Amino acid sequence: MPYNQAPSLSSPEGRLKTMHLTYATVQRDLLEANHLSPELLAKSLSIIGAHHVDYADIYCQRTAFESWHLEEGIVKSGSFQIDQGVGVRAVSGEKTAFAYADSLCIDSINRSAQAVRVIGAAGGEASVKVPSAAYGKSVHAVLNPIIGLDSAAKVALLNKVETLAKAADPRIVQVMAGLTCEYDMIYIARLDGRHAADIRPMVRLNVTVIAKQGDRREQGSAGGGGRYDLAYFDETLVRQFVDSAVKQALINLESRPAPAGEMTVVLGNGWPGVLLHEAVGHGLEGDFNRKETSVFSGRIGERVAAKGVTVVDQGDIADRRGSLNIDDEGNETRRTVLIEDGILVGYMQDETNARLMGTQSTGNGRRESYASAPMPRMTNTFMENGGYEPDEIIASIDKGIYAVNFGGGQVDITSGKFVFSASEAWWVEGGKLQYPVKGATIIGNGPEVLKHVSMIGNDTALDSGVGVCGKDGQSVPVGVGQPTLRIDAGLTVGGSEI
């Protein structure tokens, strides 16, 4: 199904009340707790504004992070940390000056402001703009998942994973599990007077199992999460993650070497959208297109994919891992259509690249932390539904590979070439799954592959909430997704020779 509107977490009045409460909470617990105020931040920005700059902002952040890890039947480690600081940025033309400090005090902020203002030519006295709150959307709840369960309950949750996995099959000889919780609080003050705040919860549960049969050992993994509290991991979901990991490991025990060569490939729905994310998504980010280093540069209005292919980035889907109430520049997240029925119609933009390209921000300005400058990044990126049943797509294959799940991969933004490893894949012959294969790598060129999509399933799904995207040394949480796809040409499977 298409994710075509912002969530309905409550009534419009309730959502606005939630965002007002968020703003007030961040002011109290982040600013006032460090003897700061919107007015003080506005005065710090006036230091930058005394020079001629196009844009400037101050990004205050406090993040609490907790993790627990189980291995060999016991919870071996647990950690808790708090990090806070400020990033100050000034932009003049194509030049950006950025400074950060791991101290949230006015002296650190003013020193950073003095450092970055050198990017602009000296001007006169700058007036202080009265801060104006921008409340954004209520895309996810504002809560602290770290305090949702006590330590004993968190340990019990991981022990439950161990118990369920070992009970699932006697061939499961090792279980590893991880539980992480994050409570992130940010405040953004902009030179144009707009101020915004957000509270961002995040939880994730990972399950990895090792199955052994004779001398052979194989691995299976599953997990997920999102912007929830820990109550999200109820018994049904935990069992689902465990069953998925166990099933993958046992399937891989029966796998044979993957054939090699150019062939028809069917990609499963959900997480295999990571291939779309890497091979196509990054090439649609504004900075690569402004610098003309993307294969999609200057091609708005051109056909770049087969008919029926519609690719969307959407940051306002309720509770998803890649969703945000506001981006890291204080703009509302939104639904941005990138490719529509095969035609390139847009790019993902932050403030700087949008201004330089003569367009508007799409709410895709993201940064890893206060120590990083923002850039255009994906949120939840997926392909929309087609009209085929998944079984119908598989039945249409004479000979080929059905890639159900993926591990890691790499992509060259300039050329669009990519390589991905399949963590679960099947050899298909005569329209039927014949046997699982091991060691399959999928090699191709993103823009070329999109042109050879011949069947699009009606089962679009986002991943379970495990995506992490890296770019220029920064990592941010994202969502990926797609329906089941048949790709007739342009993909080479690396494995053993046919």
Protein backbone atom coordinates (compact mmCIF):
# COMPACT_ATOMS: atom_id res chain seq x y z
CA MET A 1 0.00 0.00 0.00
CA PRO A 2 1.19 3.55 -0.59
CA TYR A 3 1.99 5.59 2.49
CA ASN A 4 0.22 8.67 1.22
CA GLN A 5 -0.54 10.78 4.25
CA ALA A 6 0.74 11.85 7.62
CA PRO A 7 -0.37 9.68 10.53
CA SER A 8 -3.48 10.26 12.56
CA LEU A 9 -2.03 9.86 16.04
CA SER A 10 -4.89 11.87 17.51
CA SER A 11 -7.13 14.78 16.56
CA PRO A 12 -5.49 17.80 14.87
CA GLU A 13 -5.91 19.66 18.13
CA GLY A 14 -4.27 16.80 20.01
CA ARG A 15 -1.33 16.69 17.61
CA LEU A 16 -0.77 20.43 17.97
CA LYS A 17 -0.98 20.10 21.75
CA THR A 18 1.63 17.33 21.62
CA MET A 19 4.04 19.49 19.63
CA HIS A 20 3.50 22.45 21.96
CA LEU A 21 4.27 20.13 24.87
CA THR A 22 7.39 18.88 23.07
CA TYR A 23 8.62 22.44 22.55
CA ALA A 24 8.02 23.33 26.19
CA THR A 25 9.68 20.13 27.43
CA VAL A 26 12.81 20.70 25.33
CA GLN A 27 13.01 24.31 26.46
CA ARG A 28 12.88 23.19 30.08
CA ASP A 29 15.03 20.05 29.98
CA LEU A 30 17.58 21.05 27.35
CA LEU A 31 17.82 24.85 27.26
CA GLU A 32 16.92 25.97 30.76
CA ALA A 33 18.79 23.04 32.30
CA ASN A 34 21.92 24.49 30.68
CA HIS A 35 21.07 28.14 31.47
CA LEU A 36 20.06 28.85 27.87
CA SER A 37 16.96 30.41 26.31
CA PRO A 38 15.61 31.10 22.81
CA GLU A 39 16.52 34.77 23.31
CA LEU A 40 20.15 33.95 24.20
CA LEU A 41 20.46 31.74 21.12
CA ALA A 42 19.02 34.53 18.96
CA LYS A 43 21.68 36.90 20.30
CA SER A 44 24.38 34.35 19.49
CA LEU A 45 23.04 34.14 15.94
CA SER A 46 23.28 37.93 15.67
CA ILE A 47 27.06 37.53 16.02
CA ILE A 48 27.00 35.56 12.77
CA GLY A 49 24.42 37.85 11.20
CA ALA A 50 26.76 40.84 11.61
CA HIS A 51 28.59 39.35 8.61
CA HIS A 52 26.90 38.72 5.27
CA VAL A 53 25.75 35.10 5.30
CA ASP A 54 22.86 33.41 3.52
CA TYR A 55 21.89 31.08 6.33
CA ALA A 56 22.94 30.15 9.87
CA ASP A 57 21.67 27.91 12.64
CA ILE A 58 22.46 26.62 16.13
CA TYR A 59 21.70 22.95 16.86
CA CYS A 60 21.50 21.95 20.54
CA GLN A 61 21.22 18.25 21.40
CA ARG A 62 21.12 15.87 24.34
CA THR A 63 21.05 12.12 23.71
CA ALA A 64 20.66 9.32 26.25
CA PHE A 65 21.53 5.86 24.94
CA GLU A 66 21.27 2.44 26.56
CA SER A 67 22.22 -0.99 25.21
CA TRP A 68 22.08 -4.59 26.44
CA HIS A 69 23.68 -7.64 24.79
CA LEU A 70 23.09 -11.36 25.33
CA GLU A 71 25.49 -14.08 24.25
CA GLU A 72 26.14 -17.65 25.37
CA GLY A 73 23.02 -17.70 27.49
CA ILE A 74 23.79 -14.66 29.62
CA VAL A 75 23.49 -10.89 29.34
CA LYS A 76 27.19 -10.11 29.03
CA SER A 77 27.11 -6.35 28.76
CA GLY A 78 24.98 -3.31 29.41
CA SER A 79 25.84 0.33 28.94
CA PHE A 80 24.32 3.75 29.42
CA GLN A 81 25.65 7.07 28.21
CA ILE A 82 24.58 10.68 27.81
CA ASP A 83 26.06 12.99 25.21
CA GLN A 84 25.21 16.62 24.71
CA GLY A 85 26.58 19.53 22.80
CA VAL A 86 26.00 22.19 20.16
CA GLY A 87 26.76 22.65 16.48
CA VAL A 88 26.88 26.12 14.90
CA ARG A 89 26.80 26.63 11.14
CA ALA A 90 27.01 29.56 8.73
CA VAL A 91 26.50 29.33 4.97
CA SER A 92 27.58 31.87 2.37
CA GLY A 93 27.02 30.89 -1.25
CA GLU A 94 28.46 27.40 -1.66
CA LYS A 95 30.75 27.78 1.36
CA THR A 96 29.85 26.35 4.76
CA ALA A 97 31.59 27.02 8.07
CA PHE A 98 30.81 24.69 10.94
CA ALA A 99 31.95 24.49 14.56
CA TYR A 100 30.80 22.33 17.46
CA ALA A 101 31.39 21.89 21.17
CA ASP A 102 30.53 19.10 23.58
CA SER A 103 29.40 21.68 26.11
CA LEU A 104 25.98 23.31 26.17
CA CYS A 105 26.86 26.69 27.63
CA ILE A 106 26.53 30.16 26.18
CA ASP A 107 30.31 30.74 26.11
CA SER A 108 30.83 27.67 23.89
CA ILE A 109 28.00 28.76 21.61
CA ASN A 110 29.33 32.30 21.26
CA ARG A 111 32.89 31.09 20.57
CA SER A 112 31.50 28.78 17.88
CA ALA A 113 29.48 31.65 16.41
CA GLN A 114 32.61 33.83 16.28
CA ALA A 115 34.48 31.01 14.52
CA VAL A 116 31.94 30.40 11.75
CA ARG A 117 31.07 34.01 10.96
CA VAL A 118 34.42 34.50 9.22
CA ILE A 119 32.87 32.87 6.17
CA GLY A 120 30.97 36.06 5.40
CA ALA A 121 32.18 39.56 4.65
CA ALA A 122 32.04 41.95 7.61
CA GLY A 123 28.94 44.05 7.82
CA GLY A 124 27.28 46.29 10.33
CA GLU A 125 25.43 45.64 13.55
CA ALA A 126 22.90 42.80 13.19
CA SER A 127 19.46 43.04 14.74
CA VAL A 128 18.23 40.22 16.95
CA LYS A 129 15.19 38.49 15.44
CA VAL A 130 12.51 37.55 17.92
CA PRO A 131 12.34 33.72 18.08
CA SER A 132 9.24 32.22 16.48
CA ALA A 133 8.36 28.61 17.32
CA ALA A 134 7.78 26.15 14.45
CA TYR A 135 5.95 23.11 15.78
CA GLY A 136 6.14 20.65 12.88
CA LYS A 137 3.99 17.51 12.86
CA SER A 138 3.22 14.84 15.40
CA VAL A 139 4.63 11.88 13.48
CA HIS A 140 5.58 9.80 16.50
CA ALA A 141 5.03 9.83 20.24
CA VAL A 142 7.29 11.91 22.47
CA LEU A 143 8.37 9.54 25.21
CA ASN A 144 11.46 8.15 26.90
CA PRO A 145 11.77 4.43 26.11
CA ILE A 146 14.73 4.00 28.47
CA ILE A 147 12.46 4.32 31.49
CA GLY A 148 9.70 2.17 29.96
CA LEU A 149 11.08 -1.02 31.54
CA ASP A 150 13.40 -1.52 34.48
CA SER A 151 16.73 -3.31 34.09
CA ALA A 152 15.38 -6.66 35.26
CA ALA A 153 12.62 -6.56 32.64
CA LYS A 154 15.11 -5.73 29.88
CA VAL A 155 17.30 -8.68 30.87
CA ALA A 156 14.20 -10.88 30.98
CA LEU A 157 13.30 -9.79 27.44
CA LEU A 158 16.68 -10.91 26.12
CA ASN A 159 16.51 -14.17 28.06
CA LYS A 160 13.15 -14.82 26.44
CA VAL A 161 14.80 -14.51 23.02
CA GLU A 162 17.36 -17.14 24.05
CA THR A 163 14.68 -19.50 25.39
CA LEU A 164 12.44 -19.22 22.32
CA ALA A 165 15.30 -19.70 19.87
CA LYS A 166 16.76 -22.75 21.61
CA ALA A 167 13.29 -24.29 21.86
CA ALA A 168 12.56 -23.70 18.16
CA ASP A 169 14.97 -26.35 16.85
CA PRO A 170 17.69 -28.55 18.41
CA ARG A 171 20.09 -27.46 15.66
CA ILE A 172 20.22 -23.93 17.12
CA VAL A 173 23.49 -23.92 19.05
CA GLN A 174 24.09 -20.24 19.67
CA VAL A 175 21.90 -17.20 20.22
CA MET A 176 22.94 -13.55 20.28
CA ALA A 177 20.56 -10.69 20.96
CA GLY A 178 20.82 -6.95 21.45
CA LEU A 179 18.40 -4.37 22.83
CA THR A 180 18.98 -0.64 22.38
CA CYS A 181 16.97 2.40 23.52
CA GLU A 182 17.58 6.04 22.71
CA TYR A 183 16.04 9.28 23.95
CA ASP A 184 17.12 12.20 21.77
CA MET A 185 16.21 15.83 22.43
CA ILE A 186 17.06 18.64 19.99
CA TYR A 187 16.52 22.39 19.68
CA ILE A 188 17.22 24.35 16.48
CA ALA A 189 17.57 28.14 16.35
CA ARG A 190 17.80 29.72 12.88
CA LEU A 191 19.04 33.09 11.72
CA ASP A 192 15.65 33.79 10.12
CA GLY A 193 14.06 33.67 13.59
CA ARG A 194 12.47 30.25 13.28
CA HIS A 195 13.04 27.99 16.29
CA ALA A 196 12.00 24.34 16.49
CA ALA A 197 12.30 21.46 18.96
CA ASP A 198 11.86 17.71 18.86
CA ILE A 199 11.99 14.64 21.09
CA ARG A 200 12.99 11.47 19.26
CA PRO A 201 12.63 8.04 20.87
CA MET A 202 14.13 4.95 19.25
CA VAL A 203 14.16 1.25 20.15
CA ARG A 204 15.63 -1.77 18.39
CA LEU A 205 15.83 -5.51 19.08
CA ASN A 206 18.27 -7.68 17.10
CA VAL A 207 18.33 -11.49 17.04
CA THR A 208 21.08 -13.64 15.51
CA VAL A 209 21.20 -17.43 15.72
CA ILE A 210 23.73 -20.06 14.63
CA ALA A 211 22.44 -23.43 13.44
CA LYS A 212 24.70 -26.50 13.26
CA GLN A 213 24.15 -29.69 11.32
CA GLY A 214 27.12 -32.06 11.16
CA ASP A 215 30.17 -29.92 10.45
CA ARG A 216 28.14 -27.17 8.82
CA ARG A 217 27.18 -23.95 10.61
CA GLU A 218 24.91 -21.26 9.21
CA GLN A 219 23.55 -17.97 10.51
CA GLY A 220 20.15 -16.30 10.52
CA SER A 221 19.24 -12.78 11.66
CA ALA A 222 16.10 -10.75 12.26
CA GLY A 223 14.94 -7.81 14.31
CA GLY A 224 13.35 -4.42 14.14
CA GLY A 225 12.11 -1.39 16.00
CA GLY A 226 11.16 2.21 15.48
CA ARG A 227 10.08 5.31 17.37
CA TYR A 228 8.24 3.45 20.13
CA ASP A 229 8.69 2.53 23.76
CA LEU A 230 9.76 -0.97 24.80
CA ALA A 231 6.15 -2.17 25.09
CA TYR A 232 6.38 -2.49 21.30
CA PHE A 233 8.33 -5.72 21.79
CA ASP A 234 5.44 -7.85 22.99
CA GLU A 235 5.56 -11.65 23.00
CA THR A 236 4.05 -11.92 19.51
CA LEU A 237 6.65 -9.66 17.92
CA VAL A 238 9.57 -11.19 19.81
CA ARG A 239 8.47 -14.65 18.70
CA GLN A 240 8.15 -13.39 15.12
CA PHE A 241 11.75 -12.08 15.15
CA VAL A 242 13.06 -15.32 16.65
CA ASP A 243 11.12 -17.49 14.18
CA SER A 244 12.43 -15.44 11.25
CA ALA A 245 16.04 -15.74 12.38
CA VAL A 246 15.72 -19.49 13.02
CA LYS A 247 13.99 -20.09 9.69
CA GLN A 248 16.72 -18.24 7.79
CA ALA A 249 19.50 -20.21 9.53
CA LEU A 250 17.82 -23.57 8.87
CA ILE A 251 17.16 -22.68 5.22
CA ASN A 252 20.82 -21.77 4.81
CA LEU A 253 21.81 -25.18 6.22
CA GLU A 254 20.19 -26.70 3.14
CA SER A 255 21.62 -24.21 0.66
CA ARG A 256 23.78 -25.04 -2.35
CA PRO A 257 26.37 -22.85 -4.08
CA ALA A 258 24.70 -20.07 -6.05
CA PRO A 259 24.92 -20.22 -9.85
CA ALA A 260 26.67 -17.35 -11.59
CA GLY A 261 25.87 -15.30 -14.66
CA GLU A 262 23.39 -12.73 -15.95
CA MET A 263 19.87 -13.94 -15.27
CA THR A 264 16.35 -12.96 -14.29
CA VAL A 265 16.15 -11.92 -10.65
CA VAL A 266 13.11 -11.55 -8.40
CA LEU A 267 13.61 -9.33 -5.38
CA GLY A 268 11.44 -9.90 -2.32
CA ASN A 269 9.43 -7.13 -0.67
CA GLY A 270 10.42 -5.05 2.36
CA TRP A 271 14.11 -5.10 3.33
CA PRO A 272 15.39 -5.87 -0.22
CA GLY A 273 14.44 -2.23 -0.81
CA VAL A 274 17.92 -1.55 0.61
CA LEU A 275 19.12 -2.18 -2.95
CA LEU A 276 16.78 0.58 -4.18
CA HIS A 277 18.01 2.83 -1.34
CA GLU A 278 21.68 2.39 -2.22
CA ALA A 279 21.58 2.00 -5.97
CA VAL A 280 19.03 4.73 -6.70
CA GLY A 281 18.17 6.71 -3.55
CA HIS A 282 21.57 8.28 -2.92
CA GLY A 283 21.75 9.39 -6.52
CA LEU A 284 18.54 11.40 -5.97
CA GLU A 285 19.90 13.47 -3.06
CA GLY A 286 20.24 17.16 -3.87
CA ASP A 287 23.95 17.67 -3.19
CA PHE A 288 25.09 15.01 -5.68
CA ASN A 289 22.80 16.52 -8.32
CA ARG A 290 23.82 20.12 -7.66
CA LYS A 291 27.46 19.09 -8.06
CA GLU A 292 26.51 17.01 -11.12
CA THR A 293 28.19 13.90 -9.74
CA SER A 294 25.03 11.76 -9.86
CA VAL A 295 23.91 9.74 -12.86
CA PHE A 296 20.52 11.48 -12.38
CA SER A 297 21.93 15.04 -12.63
CA GLY A 298 19.98 17.35 -14.94
CA ARG A 299 17.48 14.67 -15.89
CA ILE A 300 14.23 15.99 -14.35
CA GLY A 301 11.39 15.12 -16.70
CA GLU A 302 13.25 12.25 -18.35
CA ARG A 303 12.33 8.58 -18.26
CA VAL A 304 14.78 6.86 -15.90
CA ALA A 305 12.80 3.71 -15.09
CA ALA A 306 10.23 1.35 -16.55
CA LYS A 307 6.58 2.37 -16.59
CA GLY A 308 4.91 1.64 -13.28
CA VAL A 309 8.00 2.42 -11.20
CA THR A 310 7.19 5.11 -8.62
CA VAL A 311 9.78 5.86 -5.94
CA VAL A 312 8.95 7.98 -2.89
CA ASP A 313 10.81 9.33 0.12
CA GLN A 314 8.48 9.97 3.03
CA GLY A 315 9.56 11.17 6.46
CA ASP A 316 6.13 11.50 8.07
CA ILE A 317 5.00 7.86 8.28
CA ALA A 318 3.86 7.14 11.82
CA ASP A 319 6.47 5.70 14.19
CA ARG A 320 8.86 4.48 11.49
CA ARG A 321 12.60 4.31 12.11
CA GLY A 322 13.34 6.86 9.39
CA SER A 323 10.52 9.25 10.35
CA LEU A 324 10.92 12.64 12.02
CA ASN A 325 8.52 15.30 13.30
CA ILE A 326 10.97 17.86 11.88
CA ASP A 327 14.24 17.44 10.02
CA ASP A 328 17.54 18.66 11.47
CA GLU A 329 17.03 22.14 10.07
CA GLY A 330 13.60 22.59 11.64
CA ASN A 331 11.52 21.88 8.53
CA GLU A 332 8.51 19.56 8.48
CA THR A 333 9.12 16.18 6.93
CA ARG A 334 6.88 15.21 4.04
CA ARG A 335 6.14 12.86 1.17
CA THR A 336 8.42 13.58 -1.79
CA VAL A 337 7.83 11.77 -5.08
CA LEU A 338 11.20 11.19 -6.77
CA ILE A 339 10.28 8.97 -9.72
CA GLU A 340 6.69 8.83 -10.97
CA ASP A 341 5.63 6.10 -13.40
CA GLY A 342 9.25 5.89 -14.52
CA ILE A 343 9.78 9.67 -14.95
CA LEU A 344 12.28 11.55 -12.74
CA VAL A 345 10.29 14.32 -11.03
CA GLY A 346 12.32 15.47 -8.02
CA TYR A 347 15.28 15.32 -5.68
CA MET A 348 15.60 15.29 -1.88
CA GLN A 349 16.74 18.69 -0.60
CA ASP A 350 18.11 20.37 2.48
CA GLU A 351 18.17 24.18 2.93
CA THR A 352 21.56 24.85 1.34
CA ASN A 353 21.22 22.73 -1.79
CA ALA A 354 17.61 23.83 -2.30
CA ARG A 355 18.65 27.48 -2.22
CA LEU A 356 21.52 26.91 -4.64
CA MET A 357 19.28 24.94 -7.00
CA GLY A 358 16.45 27.48 -6.86
CA THR A 359 13.92 25.23 -5.14
CA GLN A 360 12.56 24.48 -1.65
CA SER A 361 13.71 22.16 1.12
CA THR A 362 11.85 18.83 1.12
CA GLY A 363 12.48 18.26 4.84
CA ASN A 364 15.48 16.01 4.13
CA GLY A 365 18.18 18.00 5.96
CA ARG A 366 19.71 15.45 8.35
CA ARG A 367 22.80 15.12 10.53
CA GLU A 368 24.19 12.35 12.72
CA SER A 369 24.59 14.63 15.75
CA TYR A 370 25.46 18.14 16.91
CA ALA A 371 29.06 17.39 15.81
CA SER A 372 28.00 17.02 12.16
CA ALA A 373 26.79 19.49 9.55
CA PRO A 374 23.46 18.60 7.89
CA MET A 375 23.14 17.39 4.32
CA PRO A 376 20.30 16.00 2.17
CA ARG A 377 19.57 12.45 3.33
CA MET A 378 16.83 9.87 2.85
CA THR A 379 14.17 9.15 5.52
CA ASN A 380 11.89 6.24 4.48
CA THR A 381 12.47 5.47 0.80
CA PHE A 382 10.35 2.92 -1.04
CA MET A 383 8.79 1.87 -4.33
CA GLU A 384 5.01 1.90 -4.55
CA ASN A 385 2.73 -1.01 -5.43
CA GLY A 386 2.14 -2.54 -8.83
CA GLY A 387 -0.61 -4.97 -9.82
CA TYR A 388 0.92 -8.46 -9.64
CA GLU A 389 0.54 -11.09 -6.95
CA PRO A 390 3.96 -12.15 -5.56
CA ASP A 391 3.28 -15.83 -6.36
CA GLU A 392 2.40 -14.83 -9.92
CA ILE A 393 5.79 -13.14 -10.30
CA ILE A 394 7.71 -16.18 -9.07
CA ALA A 395 5.62 -18.50 -11.26
CA SER A 396 6.61 -16.45 -14.32
CA ILE A 397 10.32 -17.31 -13.96
CA ASP A 398 11.75 -20.03 -16.20
CA LYS A 399 15.21 -19.94 -14.58
CA GLY A 400 16.53 -17.36 -12.16
CA ILE A 401 17.19 -16.25 -8.58
CA TYR A 402 14.64 -15.17 -5.95
CA ALA A 403 16.49 -12.94 -3.44
CA VAL A 404 14.42 -12.87 -0.25
CA ASN A 405 16.81 -10.99 2.01
CA PHE A 406 20.00 -8.97 1.75
CA GLY A 407 23.08 -8.37 3.84
CA GLY A 408 25.59 -5.61 3.09
CA GLY A 409 26.27 -3.78 -0.14
CA GLN A 410 28.19 -0.98 -1.84
CA VAL A 411 27.35 1.58 -4.52
CA ASP A 412 29.29 4.11 -6.62
CA ILE A 413 27.12 7.24 -6.79
CA THR A 414 28.82 8.57 -9.91
CA SER A 415 28.39 5.44 -12.02
CA GLY A 416 25.40 3.88 -10.27
CA LYS A 417 27.14 0.49 -10.06
CA PHE A 418 26.37 -1.65 -7.01
CA VAL A 419 27.06 -5.03 -5.46
CA PHE A 420 24.93 -6.68 -2.74
CA SER A 421 25.15 -10.00 -0.94
CA ALA A 422 21.97 -12.05 -0.45
CA SER A 423 21.52 -13.53 3.05
CA GLU A 424 18.62 -15.70 1.81
CA ALA A 425 18.03 -16.63 -1.83
CA TRP A 426 16.48 -19.44 -3.87
CA TRP A 427 17.06 -20.98 -7.27
CA VAL A 428 13.83 -20.81 -9.30
CA GLU A 429 13.13 -23.11 -12.23
CA GLY A 430 9.88 -23.75 -14.02
CA GLY A 431 8.15 -21.14 -11.86
CA LYS A 432 8.89 -23.00 -8.62
CA LEU A 433 11.38 -22.57 -5.79
CA GLN A 434 13.86 -25.45 -6.19
CA TYR A 435 16.44 -25.04 -3.42
CA PRO A 436 18.10 -22.31 -1.34
CA VAL A 437 21.43 -20.96 -2.59
CA LYS A 438 24.41 -19.63 -0.67
CA GLY A 439 26.96 -17.00 -1.62
CA ALA A 440 24.81 -15.12 -4.13
CA THR A 441 25.92 -11.57 -4.87
CA ILE A 442 23.76 -9.26 -6.97
CA ILE A 443 25.74 -6.95 -9.27
CA GLY A 444 24.33 -4.24 -11.49
CA ASN A 445 23.80 -0.57 -12.28
CA GLY A 446 20.96 1.17 -10.44
CA PRO A 447 19.53 3.37 -13.19
CA GLU A 448 19.86 0.56 -15.75
CA VAL A 449 18.18 -1.99 -13.49
CA LEU A 450 15.14 0.28 -13.04
CA LYS A 451 14.60 0.21 -16.81
CA HIS A 452 14.32 -3.58 -16.77
CA VAL A 453 11.66 -3.94 -14.08
CA SER A 454 8.97 -5.99 -15.82
CA MET A 455 6.61 -7.00 -12.98
CA ILE A 456 5.79 -5.04 -9.82
CA GLY A 457 4.02 -6.78 -6.95
CA ASN A 458 1.06 -5.51 -4.96
CA ASP A 459 2.79 -6.19 -1.62
CA THR A 460 4.82 -3.06 -0.87
CA ALA A 461 6.19 -3.16 2.66
CA LEU A 462 8.76 -1.23 4.65
CA ASP A 463 11.53 -3.07 6.47
CA SER A 464 11.05 -4.05 10.11
CA GLY A 465 13.05 -1.10 11.41
CA VAL A 466 16.75 -1.93 11.16
CA GLY A 467 18.09 0.44 8.49
CA VAL A 468 21.20 2.56 9.06
CA CYS A 469 22.47 4.77 6.23
CA GLY A 470 26.04 5.99 5.94
CA LYS A 471 27.14 9.04 3.96
CA ASP A 472 30.29 11.15 4.28
CA GLY A 473 31.10 9.48 7.59
CA GLN A 474 27.67 10.16 9.11
CA SER A 475 25.15 7.46 10.01
CA VAL A 476 21.40 8.07 10.42
CA PRO A 477 18.41 5.74 10.90
CA VAL A 478 16.33 5.14 7.76
CA GLY A 479 13.54 2.99 6.41
CA VAL A 480 13.57 1.13 3.09
CA GLY A 481 10.90 -0.78 1.21
CA GLN A 482 9.48 -2.10 -2.03
CA PRO A 483 7.07 -4.68 -3.43
CA THR A 484 8.20 -7.97 -4.96
CA LEU A 485 9.95 -7.12 -8.26
CA ARG A 486 10.91 -9.05 -11.37
CA ILE A 487 13.99 -7.67 -13.15
CA ASP A 488 14.59 -9.20 -16.58
CA ALA A 489 18.06 -7.89 -17.44
CA GLY A 490 20.95 -5.85 -16.13
CA LEU A 491 21.66 -7.97 -13.06
CA THR A 492 24.52 -10.41 -12.75
CA VAL A 493 24.53 -13.02 -10.01
CA GLY A 494 27.96 -13.80 -8.64
CA GLY A 495 28.43 -17.35 -7.37
CA SER A 496 29.53 -20.54 -9.08
CA GLU A 497 29.48 -20.92 -12.85
CA ILE A 498 26.24 -22.37 -14.25
